[in-house]
């Protein structure tokens, strides 16, 4: 794992026959990803990103809260 200014390179993973990947141990530890956690996959024409659904839910809650005030 390489880290610079809070940005990480965890290495390369391969996609298995069923479309599965293994999230590297260091990444799971840093981001608190545990078995059974739900991840949201986002993407655009340049690539993909994953985040825990609870983080996304917090952002939505804040946005909706800002609309009702």
PDB file of N, CA and C in Angstrom:
ATOM      1  N   UNK A   1       0.847  -1.178   0.000  1.00  0.00           N
ATOM      2  CA  UNK A   1       0.000   0.000   0.000  1.00  0.00           C
ATOM      3  C   UNK A   1       0.884   1.230   0.000  1.00  0.00           C
ATOM      4  N   UNK A   2       0.540   2.193  -0.817  1.00  0.00           N
ATOM      5  CA  UNK A   2       1.229   3.471  -0.839  1.00  0.00           C
ATOM      6  C   UNK A   2       0.232   4.556  -0.455  1.00  0.00           C
ATOM      7  N   UNK A   3       0.691   5.527   0.349  1.00  0.00           N
ATOM      8  CA  UNK A   3      -0.176   6.610   0.792  1.00  0.00           C
ATOM      9  C   UNK A   3       0.538   7.931   0.606  1.00  0.00           C
ATOM     10  N   UNK A   4      -0.197   8.918   0.106  1.00  0.00           N
ATOM     11  CA  UNK A   4       0.331  10.265  -0.002  1.00  0.00           C
ATOM     12  C   UNK A   4      -0.836  11.229   0.151  1.00  0.00           C
ATOM     13  N   UNK A   5      -0.724  12.109   1.115  1.00  0.00           N
ATOM     14  CA  UNK A   5      -1.746  13.144   1.333  1.00  0.00           C
ATOM     15  C   UNK A   5      -3.150  12.562   1.474  1.00  0.00           C
ATOM     16  N   UNK A   6      -3.265  11.450   2.174  1.00  0.00           N
ATOM     17  CA  UNK A   6      -4.573  10.838   2.396  1.00  0.00           C
ATOM     18  C   UNK A   6      -5.133  10.097   1.201  1.00  0.00           C
ATOM     19  N   UNK A   7      -4.330   9.892   0.167  1.00  0.00           N
ATOM     20  CA  UNK A   7      -4.749   9.129  -1.008  1.00  0.00           C
ATOM     21  C   UNK A   7      -3.925   7.844  -1.051  1.00  0.00           C
ATOM     22  N   UNK A   8      -4.570   6.755  -1.424  1.00  0.00           N
ATOM     23  CA  UNK A   8      -3.938   5.444  -1.332  1.00  0.00           C
ATOM     24  C   UNK A   8      -3.891   4.724  -2.664  1.00  0.00           C
ATOM     25  N   UNK A   9      -2.877   3.908  -2.833  1.00  0.00           N
ATOM     26  CA  UNK A   9      -2.823   2.905  -3.889  1.00  0.00           C
ATOM     27  C   UNK A   9      -2.704   1.565  -3.173  1.00  0.00           C
ATOM     28  N   UNK A  10      -3.711   0.720  -3.341  1.00  0.00           N
ATOM     29  CA  UNK A  10      -3.738  -0.563  -2.645  1.00  0.00           C
ATOM     30  C   UNK A  10      -3.213  -1.707  -3.493  1.00  0.00           C
ATOM     31  N   UNK A  11      -3.006  -1.482  -4.762  1.00  0.00           N
ATOM     32  CA  UNK A  11      -2.534  -2.538  -5.639  1.00  0.00           C
ATOM     33  C   UNK A  11      -3.595  -2.907  -6.658  1.00  0.00           C
ATOM     34  N   UNK A  12      -3.364  -4.002  -7.341  1.00  0.00           N
ATOM     35  CA  UNK A  12      -4.239  -4.464  -8.413  1.00  0.00           C
ATOM     36  C   UNK A  12      -5.020  -5.676  -7.920  1.00  0.00           C
ATOM     37  N   UNK A  13      -6.308  -5.720  -8.260  1.00  0.00           N
ATOM     38  CA  UNK A  13      -7.125  -6.895  -7.970  1.00  0.00           C
ATOM     39  C   UNK A  13      -7.645  -7.438  -9.291  1.00  0.00           C
ATOM     40  N   UNK A  14      -7.957  -8.719  -9.317  1.00  0.00           N
ATOM     41  CA  UNK A  14      -8.498  -9.345 -10.518  1.00  0.00           C
ATOM     42  C   UNK A  14      -9.965  -9.654 -10.306  1.00  0.00           C
ATOM     43  N   UNK A  15     -10.717  -9.549 -11.377  1.00  0.00           N
ATOM     44  CA  UNK A  15     -12.130  -9.890 -11.357  1.00  0.00           C
ATOM     45  C   UNK A  15     -12.253 -11.387 -11.622  1.00  0.00           C
ATOM     46  N   UNK A  16     -12.966 -12.062 -10.730  1.00  0.00           N
ATOM     47  CA  UNK A  16     -13.160 -13.505 -10.882  1.00  0.00           C
ATOM     48  C   UNK A  16     -14.249 -13.835 -11.896  1.00  0.00           C
ATOM     49  N   UNK A  17     -14.462 -15.115 -12.128  1.00  0.00           N
ATOM     50  CA  UNK A  17     -15.448 -15.592 -13.102  1.00  0.00           C
ATOM     51  C   UNK A  17     -16.858 -15.088 -12.811  1.00  0.00           C
ATOM     52  N   UNK A  18     -17.176 -14.881 -11.536  1.00  0.00           N
ATOM     53  CA  UNK A  18     -18.509 -14.419 -11.139  1.00  0.00           C
ATOM     54  C   UNK A  18     -18.566 -12.900 -10.981  1.00  0.00           C
ATOM     55  N   UNK A  19     -17.539 -12.193 -11.421  1.00  0.00           N
ATOM     56  CA  UNK A  19     -17.517 -10.734 -11.331  1.00  0.00           C
ATOM     57  C   UNK A  19     -17.114 -10.222  -9.963  1.00  0.00           C
ATOM     58  N   UNK A  20     -16.583 -11.079  -9.120  1.00  0.00           N
ATOM     59  CA  UNK A  20     -16.208 -10.697  -7.766  1.00  0.00           C
ATOM     60  C   UNK A  20     -14.767 -10.213  -7.705  1.00  0.00           C
ATOM     61  N   UNK A  21     -14.517  -9.288  -6.774  1.00  0.00           N
ATOM     62  CA  UNK A  21     -13.152  -8.868  -6.478  1.00  0.00           C
ATOM     63  C   UNK A  21     -12.919  -9.019  -4.982  1.00  0.00           C
ATOM     64  N   UNK A  22     -11.657  -9.082  -4.603  1.00  0.00           N
ATOM     65  CA  UNK A  22     -11.290  -9.097  -3.188  1.00  0.00           C
ATOM     66  C   UNK A  22     -10.763  -7.704  -2.858  1.00  0.00           C
ATOM     67  N   UNK A  23     -11.385  -7.059  -1.894  1.00  0.00           N
ATOM     68  CA  UNK A  23     -10.915  -5.747  -1.453  1.00  0.00           C
ATOM     69  C   UNK A  23      -9.690  -5.990  -0.566  1.00  0.00           C
ATOM     70  N   UNK A  24      -8.561  -5.368  -0.871  1.00  0.00           N
ATOM     71  CA  UNK A  24      -7.347  -5.616  -0.100  1.00  0.00           C
ATOM     72  C   UNK A  24      -7.539  -5.354   1.402  1.00  0.00           C
ATOM     73  N   UNK A  25      -6.865  -6.170   2.203  1.00  0.00           N
ATOM     74  CA  UNK A  25      -6.972  -6.100   3.665  1.00  0.00           C
ATOM     75  C   UNK A  25      -6.723  -4.692   4.182  1.00  0.00           C
ATOM     76  N   UNK A  26      -5.665  -4.028   3.696  1.00  0.00           N
ATOM     77  CA  UNK A  26      -5.367  -2.672   4.167  1.00  0.00           C
ATOM     78  C   UNK A  26      -6.520  -1.715   3.884  1.00  0.00           C
ATOM     79  N   UNK A  27      -7.147  -1.841   2.723  1.00  0.00           N
ATOM     80  CA  UNK A  27      -8.281  -0.984   2.377  1.00  0.00           C
ATOM     81  C   UNK A  27      -9.461  -1.267   3.301  1.00  0.00           C
ATOM     82  N   UNK A  28      -9.733  -2.553   3.556  1.00  0.00           N
ATOM     83  CA  UNK A  28     -10.836  -2.895   4.471  1.00  0.00           C
ATOM     84  C   UNK A  28     -10.594  -2.333   5.850  1.00  0.00           C
ATOM     85  N   UNK A  29      -9.349  -2.381   6.307  1.00  0.00           N
ATOM     86  CA  UNK A  29      -9.021  -1.875   7.641  1.00  0.00           C
ATOM     87  C   UNK A  29      -9.165  -0.349   7.700  1.00  0.00           C
ATOM     88  N   UNK A  30      -8.602   0.357   6.733  1.00  0.00           N
ATOM     89  CA  UNK A  30      -8.646   1.821   6.718  1.00  0.00           C
ATOM     90  C   UNK A  30     -10.077   2.337   6.641  1.00  0.00           C
ATOM     91  N   UNK A  31     -10.904   1.700   5.808  1.00  0.00           N
ATOM     92  CA  UNK A  31     -12.259   2.183   5.581  1.00  0.00           C
ATOM     93  C   UNK A  31     -13.311   1.472   6.430  1.00  0.00           C
ATOM     94  N   UNK A  32     -12.870   0.595   7.313  1.00  0.00           N
ATOM     95  CA  UNK A  32     -13.798  -0.066   8.229  1.00  0.00           C
ATOM     96  C   UNK A  32     -14.817  -0.945   7.523  1.00  0.00           C
ATOM     97  N   UNK A  33     -14.386  -1.645   6.485  1.00  0.00           N
ATOM     98  CA  UNK A  33     -15.278  -2.525   5.731  1.00  0.00           C
ATOM     99  C   UNK A  33     -15.211  -3.921   6.347  1.00  0.00           C
ATOM    100  N   UNK A  34     -16.375  -4.422   6.739  1.00  0.00           N
ATOM    101  CA  UNK A  34     -16.469  -5.721   7.397  1.00  0.00           C
ATOM    102  C   UNK A  34     -17.377  -6.645   6.603  1.00  0.00           C
ATOM    103  N   UNK A  35     -17.254  -7.968   6.813  1.00  0.00           N
ATOM    104  CA  UNK A  35     -18.149  -8.897   6.120  1.00  0.00           C
ATOM    105  C   UNK A  35     -19.609  -8.512   6.348  1.00  0.00           C
ATOM    106  N   UNK A  36     -20.390  -8.532   5.296  1.00  0.00           N
ATOM    107  CA  UNK A  36     -21.807  -8.196   5.380  1.00  0.00           C
ATOM    108  C   UNK A  36     -22.121  -6.726   5.149  1.00  0.00           C
ATOM    109  N   UNK A  37     -21.110  -5.851   5.126  1.00  0.00           N
ATOM    110  CA  UNK A  37     -21.350  -4.435   4.857  1.00  0.00           C
ATOM    111  C   UNK A  37     -21.856  -4.256   3.434  1.00  0.00           C
ATOM    112  N   UNK A  38     -22.737  -3.274   3.246  1.00  0.00           N
ATOM    113  CA  UNK A  38     -23.233  -2.936   1.917  1.00  0.00           C
ATOM    114  C   UNK A  38     -22.390  -1.797   1.354  1.00  0.00           C
ATOM    115  N   UNK A  39     -22.011  -1.926   0.087  1.00  0.00           N
ATOM    116  CA  UNK A  39     -21.225  -0.897  -0.582  1.00  0.00           C
ATOM    117  C   UNK A  39     -22.002  -0.374  -1.781  1.00  0.00           C
ATOM    118  N   UNK A  40     -21.946   0.932  -1.981  1.00  0.00           N
ATOM    119  CA  UNK A  40     -22.557   1.576  -3.132  1.00  0.00           C
ATOM    120  C   UNK A  40     -21.477   1.748  -4.194  1.00  0.00           C
ATOM    121  N   UNK A  41     -21.769   1.344  -5.415  1.00  0.00           N
ATOM    122  CA  UNK A  41     -20.821   1.481  -6.522  1.00  0.00           C
ATOM    123  C   UNK A  41     -21.280   2.658  -7.376  1.00  0.00           C
ATOM    124  N   UNK A  42     -20.425   3.646  -7.518  1.00  0.00           N
ATOM    125  CA  UNK A  42     -20.690   4.822  -8.351  1.00  0.00           C
ATOM    126  C   UNK A  42     -19.730   4.813  -9.519  1.00  0.00           C
ATOM    127  N   UNK A  43     -20.082   5.444 -10.607  1.00  0.00           N
ATOM    128  CA  UNK A  43     -19.160   5.478 -11.729  1.00  0.00           C
ATOM    129  C   UNK A  43     -19.531   6.513 -12.766  1.00  0.00           C
ATOM    130  N   UNK A  44     -18.564   6.797 -13.590  1.00  0.00           N
ATOM    131  CA  UNK A  44     -18.756   7.626 -14.768  1.00  0.00           C
ATOM    132  C   UNK A  44     -17.884   7.054 -15.870  1.00  0.00           C
ATOM    133  N   UNK A  45     -17.699   7.805 -16.935  1.00  0.00           N
ATOM    134  CA  UNK A  45     -16.938   7.280 -18.066  1.00  0.00           C
ATOM    135  C   UNK A  45     -15.471   7.037 -17.743  1.00  0.00           C
ATOM    136  N   UNK A  46     -14.975   7.594 -16.631  1.00  0.00           N
ATOM    137  CA  UNK A  46     -13.563   7.434 -16.285  1.00  0.00           C
ATOM    138  C   UNK A  46     -13.287   6.280 -15.336  1.00  0.00           C
ATOM    139  N   UNK A  47     -14.287   5.849 -14.594  1.00  0.00           N
ATOM    140  CA  UNK A  47     -14.032   4.764 -13.659  1.00  0.00           C
ATOM    141  C   UNK A  47     -15.130   4.597 -12.625  1.00  0.00           C
ATOM    142  N   UNK A  48     -14.787   3.854 -11.563  1.00  0.00           N
ATOM    143  CA  UNK A  48     -15.759   3.527 -10.520  1.00  0.00           C
ATOM    144  C   UNK A  48     -15.203   3.895  -9.156  1.00  0.00           C
ATOM    145  N   UNK A  49     -16.109   4.049  -8.209  1.00  0.00           N
ATOM    146  CA  UNK A  49     -15.743   4.270  -6.818  1.00  0.00           C
ATOM    147  C   UNK A  49     -16.734   3.491  -5.951  1.00  0.00           C
ATOM    148  N   UNK A  50     -16.262   3.057  -4.790  1.00  0.00           N
ATOM    149  CA  UNK A  50     -17.115   2.342  -3.845  1.00  0.00           C
ATOM    150  C   UNK A  50     -17.145   3.120  -2.540  1.00  0.00           C
ATOM    151  N   UNK A  51     -18.313   3.156  -1.900  1.00  0.00           N
ATOM    152  CA  UNK A  51     -18.380   3.689  -0.552  1.00  0.00           C
ATOM    153  C   UNK A  51     -19.443   2.959   0.228  1.00  0.00           C
ATOM    154  N   UNK A  52     -19.254   2.960   1.532  1.00  0.00           N
ATOM    155  CA  UNK A  52     -20.213   2.281   2.381  1.00  0.00           C
ATOM    156  C   UNK A  52     -21.544   3.006   2.281  1.00  0.00           C
ATOM    157  N   UNK A  53     -22.633   2.257   2.219  1.00  0.00           N
ATOM    158  CA  UNK A  53     -23.944   2.879   2.063  1.00  0.00           C
ATOM    159  C   UNK A  53     -24.276   3.791   3.231  1.00  0.00           C
ATOM    160  N   UNK A  54     -23.755   3.503   4.407  1.00  0.00           N
ATOM    161  CA  UNK A  54     -24.044   4.370   5.560  1.00  0.00           C
ATOM    162  C   UNK A  54     -23.451   5.763   5.374  1.00  0.00           C
ATOM    163  N   UNK A  55     -22.322   5.865   4.701  1.00  0.00           N
ATOM    164  CA  UNK A  55     -21.721   7.173   4.417  1.00  0.00           C
ATOM    165  C   UNK A  55     -22.603   7.929   3.436  1.00  0.00           C
ATOM    166  N   UNK A  56     -23.048   7.243   2.390  1.00  0.00           N
ATOM    167  CA  UNK A  56     -23.926   7.862   1.409  1.00  0.00           C
ATOM    168  C   UNK A  56     -25.232   8.299   2.065  1.00  0.00           C
ATOM    169  N   UNK A  57     -25.761   7.477   2.954  1.00  0.00           N
ATOM    170  CA  UNK A  57     -27.008   7.814   3.635  1.00  0.00           C
ATOM    171  C   UNK A  57     -26.841   9.072   4.471  1.00  0.00           C
ATOM    172  N   UNK A  58     -25.691   9.236   5.131  1.00  0.00           N
ATOM    173  CA  UNK A  58     -25.438  10.444   5.919  1.00  0.00           C
ATOM    174  C   UNK A  58     -25.451  11.680   5.033  1.00  0.00           C
ATOM    175  N   UNK A  59     -24.878  11.589   3.839  1.00  0.00           N
ATOM    176  CA  UNK A  59     -24.862  12.720   2.899  1.00  0.00           C
ATOM    177  C   UNK A  59     -26.289  13.064   2.480  1.00  0.00           C
ATOM    178  N   UNK A  60     -27.086  12.048   2.155  1.00  0.00           N
ATOM    179  CA  UNK A  60     -28.481  12.278   1.762  1.00  0.00           C
ATOM    180  C   UNK A  60     -29.258  12.903   2.913  1.00  0.00           C
ATOM    181  N   UNK A  61     -29.077  12.392   4.130  1.00  0.00           N
ATOM    182  CA  UNK A  61     -29.770  12.948   5.292  1.00  0.00           C
ATOM    183  C   UNK A  61     -29.429  14.421   5.486  1.00  0.00           C
ATOM    184  N   UNK A  62     -28.154  14.778   5.315  1.00  0.00           N
ATOM    185  CA  UNK A  62     -27.745  16.180   5.463  1.00  0.00           C
ATOM    186  C   UNK A  62     -28.367  17.039   4.372  1.00  0.00           C
ATOM    187  N   UNK A  63     -28.403  16.529   3.147  1.00  0.00           N
ATOM    188  CA  UNK A  63     -28.971  17.294   2.038  1.00  0.00           C
ATOM    189  C   UNK A  63     -30.465  17.521   2.244  1.00  0.00           C
ATOM    190  N   UNK A  64     -31.170  16.477   2.646  1.00  0.00           N
ATOM    191  CA  UNK A  64     -32.598  16.610   2.878  1.00  0.00           C
ATOM    192  C   UNK A  64     -32.870  17.505   4.081  1.00  0.00           C
ATOM    193  N   UNK A  65     -32.043  17.365   5.108  1.00  0.00           N
ATOM    194  CA  UNK A  65     -32.191  18.225   6.283  1.00  0.00           C
ATOM    195  C   UNK A  65     -32.018  19.687   5.919  1.00  0.00           C
ATOM    196  N   UNK A  66     -31.095  19.990   5.004  1.00  0.00           N
ATOM    197  CA  UNK A  66     -30.890  21.358   4.569  1.00  0.00           C
ATOM    198  C   UNK A  66     -32.068  21.912   3.799  1.00  0.00           C
ATOM    199  N   UNK A  67     -32.814  21.032   3.132  1.00  0.00           N
ATOM    200  CA  UNK A  67     -33.983  21.476   2.372  1.00  0.00           C
ATOM    201  C   UNK A  67     -35.180  21.787   3.259  1.00  0.00           C
ATOM    202  N   UNK A  68     -35.261  21.119   4.393  1.00  0.00           N
ATOM    203  CA  UNK A  68     -36.437  21.298   5.264  1.00  0.00           C
ATOM    204  C   UNK A  68     -36.256  22.417   6.272  1.00  0.00           C
ATOM    205  N   UNK A  69     -35.074  23.015   6.321  1.00  0.00           N
ATOM    206  CA  UNK A  69     -34.847  24.099   7.294  1.00  0.00           C
ATOM    207  C   UNK A  69     -35.257  25.423   6.727  1.00  0.00           C
TER     208      UNK A  69
END
